[in-house]
Amino acid sequence: MNIFPIFTAKDASNALSQKNIENGNHTSASNSTSAPNTAMVATPSIMSWLQSFISPESSSPAHPAISMLAHQDPVKHKNMLEKVSTLTGGEISADEALNNPLKFEHASARIALGHPDQDVLEDLYLVHGHIKYMYRIGPSEAKDYLLGGSDKTARGGFGMTPTGEGDVDALDRFLDADPRTLPVHELVSGIETICTAEGYRSVNGDWAREPTQPRTRAQLIVQHCFEALTASNRTPPIGEVYQSRGSDDVTGTIADGINVPGGHFRVMDEPDTFLPGERPPLAPVSEYKYFRQFENPYLKKESWVGEAERKNIPVRAHASGTAPLTMSALDGHLSGATGNTAPSQTWGDRSMTRTDPVRLEQAAAMITLPTFVRASYHTNMETQAGIKHYHDMHGYLAHESDFPAPAKPRDLQKLANNNLLAITSDENLPGENFSARDVMNELQNEQYDRRKTQSRLVKQEQQQARHDARIATVNTTARRFIEE
């Protein structure tokens, strides 16, 4: 879903110059002159002709430099990129973001959190109020059971007791607060923590804190709340579409049980810096996953993560299965808060009028894209896969579309960038004639330009290598003929 068009420099790629690699000797040799018959006597003219191929080093010219398109307003362009450091709290500069894809994701997350779009915030205020309506007067046992749903995986959360459990008092303070007075990162991480807990509990996820099934009356009552909130919104698991999620992992095995080798890579070394009021997730973020490039070593089919690696798109784990579950709860809260309809009380009923998809997409992007990437759980591309899966599956279940297919990593990256633009404020920064959204857009454009430039240089190098190999072959043949 393209909420905002991504104003990258696609059109500018046509303006990038790319000179054909030419070699005078090779060109002359490729004319109508044919190679001599080896049975012929090597006359001086033939020897000269053969000698013309032999060169101690490649005579090909050096790679022509590919210059990036000049910005329409170089001064404004420079000022906007210099603002990246300011908008990220001094954590990340434009150069760092442009030279490191993961730094770019962290910079985007911090810009969006620091300067959010006001309309998106208004919807999050409504969600906060609906959550308060559901849980504030509930018993502590029920709220503790709620927090246990995502206690190990929540970025931020609500503090910890000495035993490592979520702090119900901190949850109450969050619900009692005026959401307009909360720092945006606390509002966002708090809502994400709750919605993810509701999504996990609604499917009785065995990764939640024990007990994973309600054992007391209070737990049973709140479990019914989770199910009522999400029942009409939940989608089939993302693994039904991204069927290689498990086999893309290096620990995956083929039919005979032999581990499959492949190209493994790690993207993230540590989570982003924590902001005041946040806490690290209880689940160790150092337990990284590695992936292989091929789904099947015999078919040599490039896997989803292998394609992402080839296109220099960060991969942390796999397509997010958490995002659709979090969205099912967010959808229930937002639809209940806006009065579209009350959450369905019938398990599996999909007839209810759901939240406007654009509003839901923006709210989901705000609570998942920054939070997941900064918690070192998913990259923006992987999170966007889960967001898109939610919408695609609802379209399919409503008989509005065919069964969805896995989206390409590059397409998901573009959608994630679109959403990051959409959730960032378009109001001018103090003393400037541009907004935080303009800075984000400029950063995306510059990254796109550099990536395209690098891609062209790589292709030139590959073309040059092939050309040099052909010349070397001809040289070898010519030398052998002369020696004989």
Protein backbone atom coordinates (compact mmCIF):
# COMPACT_ATOMS: atom_id res chain seq x y z
CA MET A 1 0.00 0.00 0.00
CA ASN A 2 1.50 3.29 -1.06
CA ILE A 3 0.21 5.90 1.33
CA PHE A 4 2.69 8.45 0.05
CA PRO A 5 4.62 8.09 -3.19
CA ILE A 6 8.26 7.48 -2.53
CA PHE A 7 10.03 10.44 -4.06
CA THR A 8 13.30 8.70 -4.76
CA ALA A 9 15.68 9.48 -7.54
CA LYS A 10 14.42 6.82 -9.94
CA ASP A 11 14.06 9.33 -12.74
CA ALA A 12 17.53 10.58 -12.02
CA SER A 13 19.01 7.23 -12.93
CA ASN A 14 18.39 8.04 -16.57
CA ALA A 15 20.67 11.04 -16.14
CA LEU A 16 23.55 9.00 -14.77
CA SER A 17 26.25 8.60 -17.42
CA GLN A 18 27.58 5.15 -18.30
CA LYS A 19 30.24 4.91 -21.01
CA ASN A 20 30.61 1.69 -22.95
CA ILE A 21 33.81 -0.15 -22.28
CA GLU A 22 35.79 -0.20 -25.51
CA ASN A 23 39.14 -1.61 -26.47
CA GLY A 24 40.71 -0.58 -29.73
CA ASN A 25 42.62 -3.82 -30.30
CA HIS A 26 39.61 -5.93 -29.47
CA THR A 27 37.41 -3.87 -31.71
CA SER A 28 39.75 -4.18 -34.64
CA ALA A 29 40.06 -7.90 -34.06
CA SER A 30 36.31 -8.32 -34.03
CA ASN A 31 35.95 -6.85 -37.52
CA SER A 32 35.63 -8.94 -40.63
CA THR A 33 39.22 -10.22 -40.32
CA SER A 34 39.15 -13.91 -39.48
CA ALA A 35 41.72 -15.88 -37.54
CA PRO A 36 44.36 -17.60 -39.70
CA ASN A 37 44.28 -21.33 -40.36
CA THR A 38 46.80 -23.04 -38.10
CA ALA A 39 48.09 -24.96 -41.14
CA MET A 40 49.27 -21.75 -42.77
CA VAL A 41 52.87 -20.56 -42.62
CA ALA A 42 53.22 -17.67 -40.21
CA THR A 43 54.21 -14.84 -42.49
CA PRO A 44 55.45 -11.52 -41.02
CA SER A 45 52.06 -9.91 -41.67
CA ILE A 46 50.26 -12.67 -39.79
CA MET A 47 52.80 -12.46 -36.97
CA SER A 48 52.17 -8.74 -36.65
CA TRP A 49 48.45 -9.37 -36.62
CA LEU A 50 48.80 -11.93 -33.81
CA GLN A 51 51.26 -9.77 -31.90
CA SER A 52 48.71 -6.98 -31.85
CA PHE A 53 46.60 -9.05 -29.46
CA ILE A 54 49.36 -9.60 -26.95
CA SER A 55 49.68 -6.98 -24.23
CA PRO A 56 51.40 -7.34 -20.86
CA GLU A 57 48.47 -5.63 -19.14
CA SER A 58 44.92 -4.91 -20.08
CA SER A 59 44.74 -1.99 -22.45
CA SER A 60 41.21 -1.18 -21.40
CA PRO A 61 40.64 2.31 -20.11
CA ALA A 62 39.96 2.88 -16.43
CA HIS A 63 36.36 2.83 -15.25
CA PRO A 64 34.73 6.16 -15.93
CA ALA A 65 33.49 7.78 -12.76
CA ILE A 66 29.72 7.95 -12.42
CA SER A 67 28.73 11.22 -10.88
CA MET A 68 25.51 11.53 -8.93
CA LEU A 69 22.84 13.89 -10.09
CA ALA A 70 23.33 17.39 -8.76
CA HIS A 71 20.60 18.48 -6.38
CA GLN A 72 18.24 21.23 -7.50
CA ASP A 73 19.16 23.26 -4.43
CA PRO A 74 22.60 22.13 -3.19
CA VAL A 75 22.52 24.39 -0.12
CA LYS A 76 19.13 23.11 1.02
CA HIS A 77 20.21 19.56 0.27
CA LYS A 78 23.32 20.00 2.44
CA ASN A 79 21.32 21.61 5.26
CA MET A 80 18.79 18.80 5.29
CA LEU A 81 21.43 16.09 5.48
CA GLU A 82 23.18 17.97 8.28
CA LYS A 83 19.88 17.88 10.20
CA VAL A 84 19.97 14.08 10.36
CA SER A 85 22.32 14.14 13.34
CA THR A 86 20.14 16.66 15.17
CA LEU A 87 16.94 14.73 14.50
CA THR A 88 18.48 11.49 15.76
CA GLY A 89 19.57 13.04 19.03
CA GLY A 90 23.17 13.22 17.92
CA GLU A 91 23.33 9.43 17.59
CA ILE A 92 23.68 9.06 13.81
CA SER A 93 25.06 11.36 11.13
CA ALA A 94 23.93 11.42 7.51
CA ASP A 95 27.22 9.85 6.41
CA GLU A 96 26.77 6.98 8.85
CA ALA A 97 23.21 6.41 7.70
CA LEU A 98 24.17 6.52 4.02
CA ASN A 99 27.15 4.21 4.38
CA ASN A 100 25.51 1.62 6.63
CA PRO A 101 22.03 0.26 5.72
CA LEU A 102 21.28 -0.63 9.32
CA LYS A 103 22.31 2.81 10.57
CA PHE A 104 19.91 4.18 7.98
CA GLU A 105 17.08 2.15 9.53
CA HIS A 106 17.93 3.36 13.03
CA ALA A 107 18.16 6.97 11.82
CA SER A 108 14.74 6.66 10.15
CA ALA A 109 13.25 5.21 13.34
CA ARG A 110 14.60 8.03 15.49
CA ILE A 111 13.48 10.74 13.08
CA ALA A 112 9.95 9.31 13.00
CA LEU A 113 9.79 8.96 16.80
CA GLY A 114 11.20 12.41 17.40
CA HIS A 115 8.96 14.20 14.88
CA PRO A 116 5.80 12.14 14.33
CA ASP A 117 2.90 13.11 12.11
CA GLN A 118 0.17 14.66 14.25
CA ASP A 119 -2.70 12.75 12.65
CA VAL A 120 -1.00 9.45 13.44
CA LEU A 121 -0.44 10.57 17.02
CA GLU A 122 -4.11 11.45 17.38
CA ASP A 123 -5.02 7.87 16.48
CA LEU A 124 -2.51 6.55 19.01
CA TYR A 125 -4.13 8.77 21.66
CA LEU A 126 -7.43 7.08 20.84
CA VAL A 127 -5.82 3.65 21.11
CA HIS A 128 -4.34 4.59 24.49
CA GLY A 129 -7.80 5.60 25.72
CA HIS A 130 -9.38 2.35 24.52
CA ILE A 131 -6.69 0.28 26.24
CA LYS A 132 -7.29 2.21 29.44
CA TYR A 133 -11.05 1.58 29.12
CA MET A 134 -10.43 -2.18 28.83
CA TYR A 135 -7.86 -2.77 31.55
CA ARG A 136 -7.46 0.05 34.06
CA ILE A 137 -10.05 -1.13 36.57
CA GLY A 138 -9.22 -4.80 36.12
CA PRO A 139 -7.58 -6.84 38.88
CA SER A 140 -3.80 -6.83 39.14
CA GLU A 141 -3.67 -10.53 38.37
CA ALA A 142 -5.35 -9.96 35.01
CA LYS A 143 -2.99 -7.11 34.13
CA ASP A 144 0.03 -9.16 35.12
CA TYR A 145 -1.23 -11.96 32.85
CA LEU A 146 -1.55 -9.40 30.04
CA LEU A 147 2.04 -8.17 30.52
CA GLY A 148 3.29 -11.74 30.49
CA GLY A 149 2.26 -12.04 26.87
CA SER A 150 5.18 -9.99 25.60
CA ASP A 151 7.25 -9.56 28.73
CA LYS A 152 10.32 -11.20 27.23
CA THR A 153 10.21 -9.40 23.92
CA ALA A 154 8.89 -5.90 24.58
CA ARG A 155 11.03 -2.88 23.78
CA GLY A 156 10.43 -0.46 26.60
CA GLY A 157 7.60 -2.14 28.42
CA PHE A 158 6.61 -1.19 31.94
CA GLY A 159 9.56 -1.88 34.15
CA MET A 160 10.53 -5.12 35.84
CA THR A 161 9.98 -6.66 39.24
CA PRO A 162 12.90 -8.41 40.95
CA THR A 163 11.75 -11.67 39.36
CA GLY A 164 11.86 -10.14 35.89
CA GLU A 165 8.12 -9.81 35.43
CA GLY A 166 6.27 -6.80 34.09
CA ASP A 167 5.39 -4.15 36.65
CA VAL A 168 1.61 -3.70 36.94
CA ASP A 169 2.08 -0.39 38.76
CA ALA A 170 4.08 0.93 35.80
CA LEU A 171 1.28 -0.19 33.48
CA ASP A 172 -1.26 1.66 35.62
CA ARG A 173 0.86 4.81 35.54
CA PHE A 174 1.02 4.54 31.76
CA LEU A 175 -2.75 4.16 31.47
CA ASP A 176 -3.46 6.98 33.92
CA ALA A 177 -1.19 9.43 32.12
CA ASP A 178 -2.49 11.93 29.59
CA PRO A 179 -1.08 10.40 26.38
CA ARG A 180 -0.37 13.88 25.02
CA THR A 181 2.12 14.45 27.82
CA LEU A 182 3.99 11.19 27.31
CA PRO A 183 7.25 11.20 25.32
CA VAL A 184 6.45 9.71 21.93
CA HIS A 185 8.87 6.81 22.34
CA GLU A 186 7.12 5.83 25.61
CA LEU A 187 3.66 6.08 24.07
CA VAL A 188 4.71 4.06 21.03
CA SER A 189 6.63 1.34 22.88
CA GLY A 190 3.89 1.09 25.51
CA ILE A 191 1.13 0.56 22.95
CA GLU A 192 3.29 -1.90 21.00
CA THR A 193 4.03 -3.84 24.19
CA ILE A 194 0.33 -4.17 25.01
CA CYS A 195 -0.88 -4.95 21.49
CA THR A 196 1.83 -7.55 20.99
CA ALA A 197 0.98 -9.13 24.35
CA GLU A 198 -2.69 -9.29 23.35
CA GLY A 199 -1.80 -10.82 19.99
CA TYR A 200 0.47 -13.44 21.54
CA ARG A 201 -2.00 -14.31 24.30
CA SER A 202 -4.87 -14.57 21.81
CA VAL A 203 -3.12 -17.50 20.10
CA ASN A 204 -1.81 -18.95 23.39
CA GLY A 205 1.78 -18.48 22.26
CA ASP A 206 4.06 -20.88 24.07
CA TRP A 207 6.81 -18.25 24.01
CA ALA A 208 4.85 -16.06 26.47
CA ARG A 209 5.54 -16.10 30.19
CA GLU A 210 4.00 -18.98 32.11
CA PRO A 211 1.22 -19.74 32.39
CA THR A 212 0.58 -19.78 28.65
CA GLN A 213 -3.03 -20.87 29.31
CA PRO A 214 -5.32 -19.14 31.81
CA ARG A 215 -5.50 -20.95 35.14
CA THR A 216 -7.58 -18.63 37.30
CA ARG A 217 -10.90 -16.89 36.85
CA ALA A 218 -9.24 -13.48 36.44
CA GLN A 219 -6.88 -14.84 33.80
CA LEU A 220 -9.76 -16.55 31.99
CA ILE A 221 -11.80 -13.36 31.89
CA VAL A 222 -8.97 -11.30 30.45
CA GLN A 223 -8.19 -14.10 27.99
CA HIS A 224 -11.74 -13.76 26.67
CA CYS A 225 -11.04 -10.05 26.23
CA PHE A 226 -8.00 -10.83 24.09
CA GLU A 227 -9.97 -13.24 21.95
CA ALA A 228 -12.93 -10.88 21.54
CA LEU A 229 -10.58 -8.04 20.61
CA THR A 230 -8.65 -9.95 17.97
CA ALA A 231 -10.88 -12.82 16.82
CA SER A 232 -12.31 -11.08 13.76
CA ASN A 233 -8.98 -9.53 12.85
CA ARG A 234 -6.46 -12.33 13.11
CA THR A 235 -5.05 -13.68 9.90
CA PRO A 236 -3.56 -17.08 9.05
CA PRO A 237 0.10 -17.28 10.07
CA ILE A 238 2.58 -15.52 7.83
CA GLY A 239 4.34 -18.84 7.30
CA GLU A 240 1.50 -19.90 5.02
CA VAL A 241 2.69 -17.29 2.53
CA TYR A 242 6.42 -17.11 3.33
CA GLN A 243 6.76 -20.86 3.43
CA SER A 244 10.57 -20.85 3.45
CA ARG A 245 10.82 -18.90 6.73
CA GLY A 246 12.05 -22.00 8.52
CA SER A 247 14.20 -23.48 5.78
CA ASP A 248 15.95 -20.17 5.12
CA ASP A 249 17.46 -20.49 8.56
CA VAL A 250 20.86 -22.13 8.63
CA THR A 251 19.50 -24.66 11.12
CA GLY A 252 16.97 -25.84 8.56
CA THR A 253 17.45 -29.32 7.15
CA ILE A 254 16.60 -31.00 3.90
CA ALA A 255 14.53 -34.15 3.62
CA ASP A 256 17.33 -36.57 4.57
CA GLY A 257 18.19 -34.56 7.66
CA ILE A 258 21.55 -33.27 6.48
CA ASN A 259 22.31 -29.68 7.40
CA VAL A 260 22.43 -27.46 4.36
CA PRO A 261 25.50 -25.22 4.02
CA GLY A 262 25.30 -21.77 2.48
CA GLY A 263 26.27 -18.16 2.68
CA HIS A 264 25.53 -16.89 6.19
CA PHE A 265 25.55 -13.32 7.30
CA ARG A 266 24.78 -11.28 10.37
CA VAL A 267 23.45 -7.75 10.19
CA MET A 268 23.05 -6.32 13.66
CA ASP A 269 25.66 -6.33 16.40
CA GLU A 270 23.76 -4.49 19.09
CA PRO A 271 20.41 -2.80 19.63
CA ASP A 272 20.02 0.92 19.17
CA THR A 273 20.71 3.20 22.14
CA PHE A 274 17.92 3.16 24.70
CA LEU A 275 15.95 6.29 25.42
CA PRO A 276 14.86 7.44 28.91
CA GLY A 277 12.06 5.26 30.23
CA GLU A 278 12.95 2.27 28.09
CA ARG A 279 14.40 -1.03 29.16
CA PRO A 280 16.11 -3.80 27.17
CA PRO A 281 13.98 -6.82 26.27
CA LEU A 282 14.39 -9.79 28.58
CA ALA A 283 15.08 -12.08 25.65
CA PRO A 284 18.81 -11.76 24.83
CA VAL A 285 19.17 -9.73 21.66
CA SER A 286 22.60 -11.31 21.18
CA GLU A 287 21.02 -14.56 20.00
CA TYR A 288 21.24 -13.71 16.32
CA LYS A 289 19.95 -15.82 13.50
CA TYR A 290 21.96 -16.63 10.44
CA PHE A 291 20.54 -17.51 7.09
CA ARG A 292 21.63 -19.29 3.96
CA GLN A 293 21.32 -17.99 0.45
CA PHE A 294 19.62 -20.95 -1.13
CA GLU A 295 16.37 -22.61 -0.22
CA ASN A 296 17.49 -25.87 -1.81
CA PRO A 297 21.14 -26.63 -2.56
CA TYR A 298 20.19 -28.85 -5.48
CA LEU A 299 17.80 -26.46 -7.18
CA LYS A 300 20.10 -23.52 -6.38
CA LYS A 301 17.06 -21.35 -5.90
CA GLU A 302 17.85 -18.07 -4.23
CA SER A 303 16.02 -17.72 -0.94
CA TRP A 304 14.11 -14.68 0.23
CA VAL A 305 16.88 -13.67 2.61
CA GLY A 306 19.49 -14.43 -0.03
CA GLU A 307 17.82 -11.97 -2.39
CA ALA A 308 17.76 -9.37 0.38
CA GLU A 309 21.48 -9.89 1.01
CA ARG A 310 22.28 -9.56 -2.68
CA LYS A 311 20.41 -6.26 -2.80
CA ASN A 312 22.13 -5.01 0.37
CA ILE A 313 18.89 -4.93 2.40
CA PRO A 314 19.42 -5.67 6.11
CA VAL A 315 17.95 -8.93 7.39
CA ARG A 316 17.67 -9.62 11.10
CA ALA A 317 15.54 -12.76 11.22
CA HIS A 318 12.74 -13.38 8.71
CA ALA A 319 9.37 -11.99 7.66
CA SER A 320 7.73 -10.80 10.89
CA GLY A 321 4.98 -13.03 12.21
CA THR A 322 4.58 -10.74 15.21
CA ALA A 323 3.48 -7.71 13.18
CA PRO A 324 0.18 -9.29 11.98
CA LEU A 325 -0.67 -10.38 15.54
CA THR A 326 0.14 -6.93 16.90
CA MET A 327 -2.01 -5.40 14.16
CA SER A 328 -4.97 -7.63 15.01
CA ALA A 329 -5.04 -6.07 18.50
CA LEU A 330 -4.31 -2.57 17.23
CA ASP A 331 -7.12 -2.93 14.70
CA GLY A 332 -9.52 -3.91 17.47
CA HIS A 333 -8.54 -0.98 19.66
CA LEU A 334 -8.64 1.57 16.86
CA SER A 335 -11.94 0.37 15.45
CA GLY A 336 -13.44 0.33 18.94
CA ALA A 337 -12.08 3.79 19.76
CA THR A 338 -13.24 5.39 16.51
CA GLY A 339 -16.72 3.90 16.76
CA ASN A 340 -16.57 2.02 13.48
CA THR A 341 -17.83 -1.01 15.30
CA ALA A 342 -17.33 -2.84 18.55
CA PRO A 343 -14.95 -5.79 18.34
CA SER A 344 -16.83 -8.92 17.32
CA GLN A 345 -17.85 -11.29 20.08
CA THR A 346 -18.11 -14.20 17.67
CA TRP A 347 -14.97 -16.26 17.25
CA GLY A 348 -13.85 -16.16 13.64
CA ASP A 349 -16.50 -13.64 12.56
CA ARG A 350 -15.03 -11.49 9.78
CA SER A 351 -18.14 -9.49 8.98
CA MET A 352 -17.29 -6.52 11.19
CA THR A 353 -16.31 -3.21 9.64
CA ARG A 354 -12.63 -2.85 10.27
CA THR A 355 -10.53 0.27 10.72
CA ASP A 356 -9.84 2.37 7.66
CA PRO A 357 -6.80 0.59 6.12
CA VAL A 358 -4.78 3.78 5.63
CA ARG A 359 -5.20 4.88 9.25
CA LEU A 360 -4.41 1.38 10.46
CA GLU A 361 -1.33 1.14 8.23
CA GLN A 362 0.06 4.40 9.56
CA ALA A 363 -0.65 3.54 13.19
CA ALA A 364 0.86 0.08 12.72
CA ALA A 365 3.92 1.55 11.03
CA MET A 366 4.41 3.96 13.93
CA ILE A 367 4.34 1.33 16.65
CA THR A 368 6.15 -1.48 14.82
CA LEU A 369 8.72 -0.08 12.38
CA PRO A 370 10.70 2.02 14.89
CA THR A 371 10.18 -0.39 17.79
CA PHE A 372 11.08 -3.63 16.06
CA VAL A 373 14.21 -2.31 14.38
CA ARG A 374 15.48 -0.54 17.52
CA ALA A 375 14.85 -3.64 19.63
CA SER A 376 16.95 -5.74 17.22
CA TYR A 377 14.03 -8.06 16.47
CA HIS A 378 13.22 -7.22 12.86
CA THR A 379 14.42 -4.87 10.19
CA ASN A 380 12.00 -2.48 8.52
CA MET A 381 11.70 -4.73 5.48
CA GLU A 382 10.84 -7.76 7.61
CA THR A 383 8.32 -5.78 9.67
CA GLN A 384 6.72 -4.42 6.50
CA ALA A 385 6.29 -8.01 5.30
CA GLY A 386 4.08 -8.62 8.34
CA ILE A 387 2.12 -5.38 7.86
CA LYS A 388 1.49 -6.21 4.21
CA HIS A 389 0.56 -9.78 5.08
CA TYR A 390 -2.17 -8.49 7.40
CA HIS A 391 -3.79 -6.40 4.67
CA ASP A 392 -3.29 -8.98 1.92
CA MET A 393 -4.80 -11.78 3.96
CA HIS A 394 -7.85 -9.73 4.88
CA GLY A 395 -8.35 -8.95 1.21
CA TYR A 396 -8.14 -12.63 0.39
CA LEU A 397 -10.48 -13.69 3.23
CA ALA A 398 -13.00 -11.08 2.09
CA HIS A 399 -12.80 -12.54 -1.45
CA GLU A 400 -11.33 -9.28 -2.72
CA SER A 401 -8.02 -10.70 -3.92
CA ASP A 402 -6.18 -13.91 -4.69
CA PHE A 403 -4.09 -15.75 -2.15
CA PRO A 404 -1.05 -13.53 -1.57
CA ALA A 405 2.44 -14.41 -2.72
CA PRO A 406 5.66 -13.51 -0.91
CA ALA A 407 6.65 -9.93 -1.63
CA LYS A 408 10.11 -9.11 -2.91
CA PRO A 409 12.52 -7.63 -0.34
CA ARG A 410 13.15 -4.54 -2.47
CA ASP A 411 9.39 -3.89 -2.81
CA LEU A 412 8.95 -4.26 0.94
CA GLN A 413 11.82 -1.89 1.59
CA LYS A 414 10.14 0.72 -0.61
CA LEU A 415 6.84 0.24 1.22
CA ALA A 416 8.59 0.60 4.56
CA ASN A 417 10.23 3.81 3.36
CA ASN A 418 6.82 5.08 2.23
CA ASN A 419 5.39 4.38 5.66
CA LEU A 420 8.30 6.08 7.40
CA LEU A 421 7.60 9.16 5.30
CA ALA A 422 3.91 8.98 6.10
CA ILE A 423 4.38 8.84 9.87
CA THR A 424 6.92 11.70 9.97
CA SER A 425 5.81 15.30 10.48
CA ASP A 426 5.54 17.56 7.44
CA GLU A 427 5.57 20.76 9.53
CA ASN A 428 8.62 22.94 8.99
CA LEU A 429 11.35 22.61 11.58
CA PRO A 430 12.03 25.74 13.67
CA GLY A 431 13.95 28.29 11.63
CA GLU A 432 14.00 26.08 8.54
CA ASN A 433 12.06 25.95 5.29
CA PHE A 434 11.86 22.17 5.38
CA SER A 435 10.30 19.53 7.62
CA ALA A 436 11.46 16.31 9.25
CA ARG A 437 9.63 14.49 6.47
CA ASP A 438 11.70 16.42 3.94
CA VAL A 439 14.87 15.33 5.75
CA MET A 440 13.69 11.71 5.72
CA ASN A 441 12.83 12.00 2.04
CA GLU A 442 16.20 13.54 1.23
CA LEU A 443 17.99 10.78 3.11
CA GLN A 444 16.04 8.16 1.17
CA ASN A 445 16.79 9.87 -2.16
CA GLU A 446 20.48 10.14 -1.39
CA GLN A 447 20.63 6.50 -0.35
CA TYR A 448 18.84 5.49 -3.55
CA ASP A 449 21.27 7.53 -5.65
CA ARG A 450 24.27 5.97 -3.97
CA ARG A 451 22.88 2.47 -4.26
CA LYS A 452 22.18 2.90 -7.96
CA THR A 453 25.63 4.38 -8.50
CA GLN A 454 27.25 1.48 -6.67
CA SER A 455 25.16 -0.99 -8.66
CA ARG A 456 26.34 0.56 -11.92
CA LEU A 457 29.96 0.45 -10.80
CA VAL A 458 29.62 -3.21 -9.85
CA LYS A 459 28.11 -3.99 -13.25
CA GLN A 460 30.95 -2.14 -14.94
CA GLU A 461 33.50 -4.10 -12.95
CA GLN A 462 31.80 -7.34 -13.93
CA GLN A 463 31.72 -6.30 -17.56
CA GLN A 464 35.38 -5.28 -17.42
CA ALA A 465 36.32 -8.59 -15.81
CA ARG A 466 34.54 -10.53 -18.58
CA HIS A 467 36.25 -8.38 -21.20
CA ASP A 468 39.68 -8.87 -19.61
CA ALA A 469 39.08 -12.62 -19.46
CA ARG A 470 38.30 -12.70 -23.19
CA ILE A 471 41.43 -10.70 -23.97
CA ALA A 472 43.51 -13.00 -21.78
CA THR A 473 42.17 -16.01 -23.64
CA VAL A 474 43.04 -14.48 -26.99
CA ASN A 475 46.51 -13.53 -25.68
CA THR A 476 47.13 -17.10 -24.56
CA THR A 477 46.00 -18.50 -27.90
CA ALA A 478 48.09 -15.98 -29.83
CA ARG A 479 51.23 -16.69 -27.79
CA ARG A 480 50.79 -20.42 -28.21
CA PHE A 481 50.39 -20.02 -31.99
CA ILE A 482 53.50 -17.80 -32.25
CA GLU A 483 55.56 -20.20 -30.16
CA GLU A 484 54.51 -23.12 -32.33
